[in-house]
Amino acid sequence: MHFTLCGGTIAKLGTARHHAKYFEALDSVELPGCFGMTELGHGSNVMVSFLSCSCLLIVEIRFL
């Protein structure tokens, strides 16, 4: 699972630079990988999925 989901995604969607940077460390599990995906609607074709992200910034101002 580790290499199939994480490494497989890098293998298919990454560039030669990504392969050189991550494969050896992923293969030795020096770099533990994870995999996450999100989809608008449903399905599991992550190559054509779109990611929607929002951030709520809360600022607290204190006067001394």
N, C-alpha and C. Protein backbone atom coordinates (compact mmCIF):
# COMPACT_ATOMS: atom_id res chain seq x y z
N MET A 1 0.81 -1.19 0.00
CA MET A 1 0.00 0.00 0.00
C MET A 1 0.86 1.27 0.00
N HIS A 2 1.89 1.26 0.84
CA HIS A 2 2.75 2.44 0.95
C HIS A 2 3.29 2.84 -0.42
N PHE A 3 3.94 1.90 -1.10
CA PHE A 3 4.53 2.27 -2.38
C PHE A 3 3.48 2.35 -3.48
N THR A 4 2.46 1.50 -3.43
CA THR A 4 1.46 1.51 -4.49
C THR A 4 0.68 2.82 -4.51
N LEU A 5 0.20 3.27 -3.36
CA LEU A 5 -0.60 4.49 -3.36
C LEU A 5 0.25 5.75 -3.39
N CYS A 6 1.24 5.82 -2.53
CA CYS A 6 2.07 7.03 -2.49
C CYS A 6 3.09 7.05 -3.63
N GLY A 7 3.91 6.01 -3.68
CA GLY A 7 4.95 5.95 -4.72
C GLY A 7 4.37 5.84 -6.11
N GLY A 8 3.28 5.10 -6.24
CA GLY A 8 2.63 4.95 -7.55
C GLY A 8 2.12 6.26 -8.10
N THR A 9 1.61 7.09 -7.21
CA THR A 9 1.14 8.41 -7.64
C THR A 9 2.30 9.27 -8.10
N ILE A 10 3.41 9.22 -7.37
CA ILE A 10 4.60 9.97 -7.78
C ILE A 10 5.13 9.41 -9.10
N ALA A 11 5.10 8.09 -9.25
CA ALA A 11 5.58 7.47 -10.49
C ALA A 11 4.76 7.91 -11.70
N LYS A 12 3.45 7.99 -11.54
CA LYS A 12 2.58 8.32 -12.68
C LYS A 12 2.44 9.81 -12.91
N LEU A 13 2.40 10.60 -11.84
CA LEU A 13 2.13 12.03 -12.00
C LEU A 13 3.35 12.90 -11.79
N GLY A 14 4.42 12.34 -11.21
CA GLY A 14 5.63 13.12 -10.94
C GLY A 14 6.54 13.21 -12.15
N THR A 15 7.50 14.10 -12.04
CA THR A 15 8.50 14.27 -13.09
C THR A 15 9.77 13.49 -12.71
N ALA A 16 10.76 13.50 -13.58
CA ALA A 16 12.03 12.84 -13.28
C ALA A 16 12.67 13.43 -12.02
N ARG A 17 12.48 14.70 -11.81
CA ARG A 17 13.00 15.36 -10.60
C ARG A 17 12.36 14.78 -9.35
N HIS A 18 11.04 14.55 -9.38
CA HIS A 18 10.34 13.95 -8.24
C HIS A 18 10.81 12.51 -8.03
N HIS A 19 10.96 11.78 -9.12
CA HIS A 19 11.41 10.38 -9.02
C HIS A 19 12.77 10.31 -8.34
N ALA A 20 13.70 11.14 -8.79
CA ALA A 20 15.05 11.14 -8.23
C ALA A 20 15.05 11.56 -6.76
N LYS A 21 14.18 12.49 -6.41
CA LYS A 21 14.17 13.02 -5.06
C LYS A 21 13.53 12.06 -4.06
N TYR A 22 12.47 11.34 -4.46
CA TYR A 22 11.67 10.59 -3.48
C TYR A 22 11.75 9.07 -3.55
N PHE A 23 12.04 8.47 -4.70
CA PHE A 23 11.91 7.02 -4.83
C PHE A 23 12.78 6.22 -3.88
N GLU A 24 14.05 6.57 -3.75
CA GLU A 24 14.94 5.79 -2.89
C GLU A 24 14.48 5.85 -1.44
N ALA A 25 14.12 7.04 -0.97
CA ALA A 25 13.66 7.20 0.41
C ALA A 25 12.32 6.50 0.64
N LEU A 26 11.43 6.53 -0.35
CA LEU A 26 10.16 5.81 -0.22
C LEU A 26 10.38 4.31 -0.22
N ASP A 27 11.28 3.84 -1.06
CA ASP A 27 11.54 2.41 -1.17
C ASP A 27 12.12 1.83 0.12
N SER A 28 12.95 2.60 0.80
CA SER A 28 13.55 2.13 2.06
C SER A 28 12.67 2.47 3.27
N VAL A 29 11.56 3.14 3.04
CA VAL A 29 10.61 3.61 4.06
C VAL A 29 11.28 4.61 5.02
N GLU A 30 12.40 5.19 4.57
CA GLU A 30 12.99 6.31 5.31
C GLU A 30 12.02 7.48 5.27
N LEU A 31 11.32 7.61 4.16
CA LEU A 31 10.29 8.62 3.99
C LEU A 31 8.95 7.90 3.93
N PRO A 32 8.22 7.86 5.04
CA PRO A 32 6.92 7.20 5.00
C PRO A 32 5.96 8.04 4.16
N GLY A 33 5.26 7.40 3.28
CA GLY A 33 4.36 8.12 2.39
C GLY A 33 2.91 7.99 2.82
N CYS A 34 2.13 8.90 2.34
CA CYS A 34 0.69 8.83 2.56
C CYS A 34 0.01 9.24 1.26
N PHE A 35 -1.25 8.99 1.19
CA PHE A 35 -2.00 9.28 -0.02
C PHE A 35 -3.36 9.84 0.40
N GLY A 36 -3.75 10.91 -0.20
CA GLY A 36 -5.07 11.47 0.07
C GLY A 36 -5.65 12.03 -1.22
N MET A 37 -6.93 11.97 -1.34
CA MET A 37 -7.56 12.55 -2.52
C MET A 37 -8.90 13.14 -2.14
N THR A 38 -9.30 14.06 -2.93
CA THR A 38 -10.62 14.67 -2.75
C THR A 38 -11.24 14.81 -4.14
N GLU A 39 -12.52 14.71 -4.19
CA GLU A 39 -13.20 14.80 -5.48
C GLU A 39 -14.41 15.71 -5.37
N LEU A 40 -14.68 16.40 -6.41
CA LEU A 40 -15.96 17.11 -6.53
C LEU A 40 -16.93 16.12 -7.15
N GLY A 41 -17.96 15.79 -6.49
CA GLY A 41 -18.87 14.76 -6.98
C GLY A 41 -18.45 13.41 -6.44
N HIS A 42 -18.20 12.47 -7.31
CA HIS A 42 -17.80 11.14 -6.86
C HIS A 42 -16.94 10.48 -7.92
N GLY A 43 -16.35 9.36 -7.59
CA GLY A 43 -15.45 8.66 -8.49
C GLY A 43 -14.06 8.60 -7.88
N SER A 44 -13.13 8.02 -8.59
CA SER A 44 -11.78 7.94 -8.04
C SER A 44 -10.71 8.23 -9.09
N ASN A 45 -11.04 8.97 -10.10
CA ASN A 45 -10.06 9.32 -11.12
C ASN A 45 -9.32 10.58 -10.66
N VAL A 46 -8.29 10.40 -9.82
CA VAL A 46 -7.61 11.55 -9.24
C VAL A 46 -6.82 12.36 -10.25
N MET A 47 -6.53 11.79 -11.41
CA MET A 47 -5.78 12.55 -12.42
C MET A 47 -6.61 13.69 -13.01
N VAL A 48 -7.94 13.57 -12.96
CA VAL A 48 -8.78 14.64 -13.51
C VAL A 48 -9.67 15.27 -12.44
N SER A 49 -9.38 15.00 -11.18
CA SER A 49 -10.16 15.58 -10.09
C SER A 49 -9.71 17.02 -9.84
N PHE A 50 -10.57 17.79 -9.25
CA PHE A 50 -10.26 19.16 -8.91
C PHE A 50 -10.30 19.30 -7.39
N LEU A 51 -9.40 20.07 -6.85
CA LEU A 51 -9.30 20.29 -5.42
C LEU A 51 -9.85 21.66 -5.09
N SER A 52 -10.68 21.70 -4.09
CA SER A 52 -11.20 22.97 -3.61
C SER A 52 -10.76 23.12 -2.16
N CYS A 53 -10.11 24.22 -1.86
CA CYS A 53 -9.57 24.41 -0.52
C CYS A 53 -9.95 25.80 -0.04
N SER A 54 -10.30 25.90 1.21
CA SER A 54 -10.58 27.22 1.77
C SER A 54 -9.87 27.34 3.11
N CYS A 55 -9.57 28.55 3.48
CA CYS A 55 -8.84 28.81 4.71
C CYS A 55 -9.55 29.92 5.47
N LEU A 56 -9.74 29.70 6.75
CA LEU A 56 -10.34 30.72 7.60
C LEU A 56 -9.24 31.26 8.49
N LEU A 57 -8.91 32.51 8.33
CA LEU A 57 -7.84 33.13 9.10
C LEU A 57 -8.47 33.93 10.24
N ILE A 58 -8.09 33.58 11.44
CA ILE A 58 -8.60 34.28 12.62
C ILE A 58 -7.43 35.02 13.25
N VAL A 59 -7.60 36.29 13.41
CA VAL A 59 -6.53 37.12 13.99
C VAL A 59 -7.02 37.68 15.30
N GLU A 60 -6.23 37.52 16.32
CA GLU A 60 -6.56 38.06 17.63
C GLU A 60 -5.61 39.20 17.92
N ILE A 61 -6.16 40.35 18.21
CA ILE A 61 -5.34 41.52 18.50
C ILE A 61 -5.50 41.84 19.98
N ARG A 62 -4.39 41.94 20.66
CA ARG A 62 -4.41 42.28 22.09
C ARG A 62 -3.62 43.55 22.31
N PHE A 63 -4.19 44.45 23.06
CA PHE A 63 -3.51 45.68 23.42
C PHE A 63 -3.01 45.55 24.84
N LEU A 64 -1.76 45.91 25.04
CA LEU A 64 -1.17 45.81 26.39
C LEU A 64 -1.28 47.14 27.10
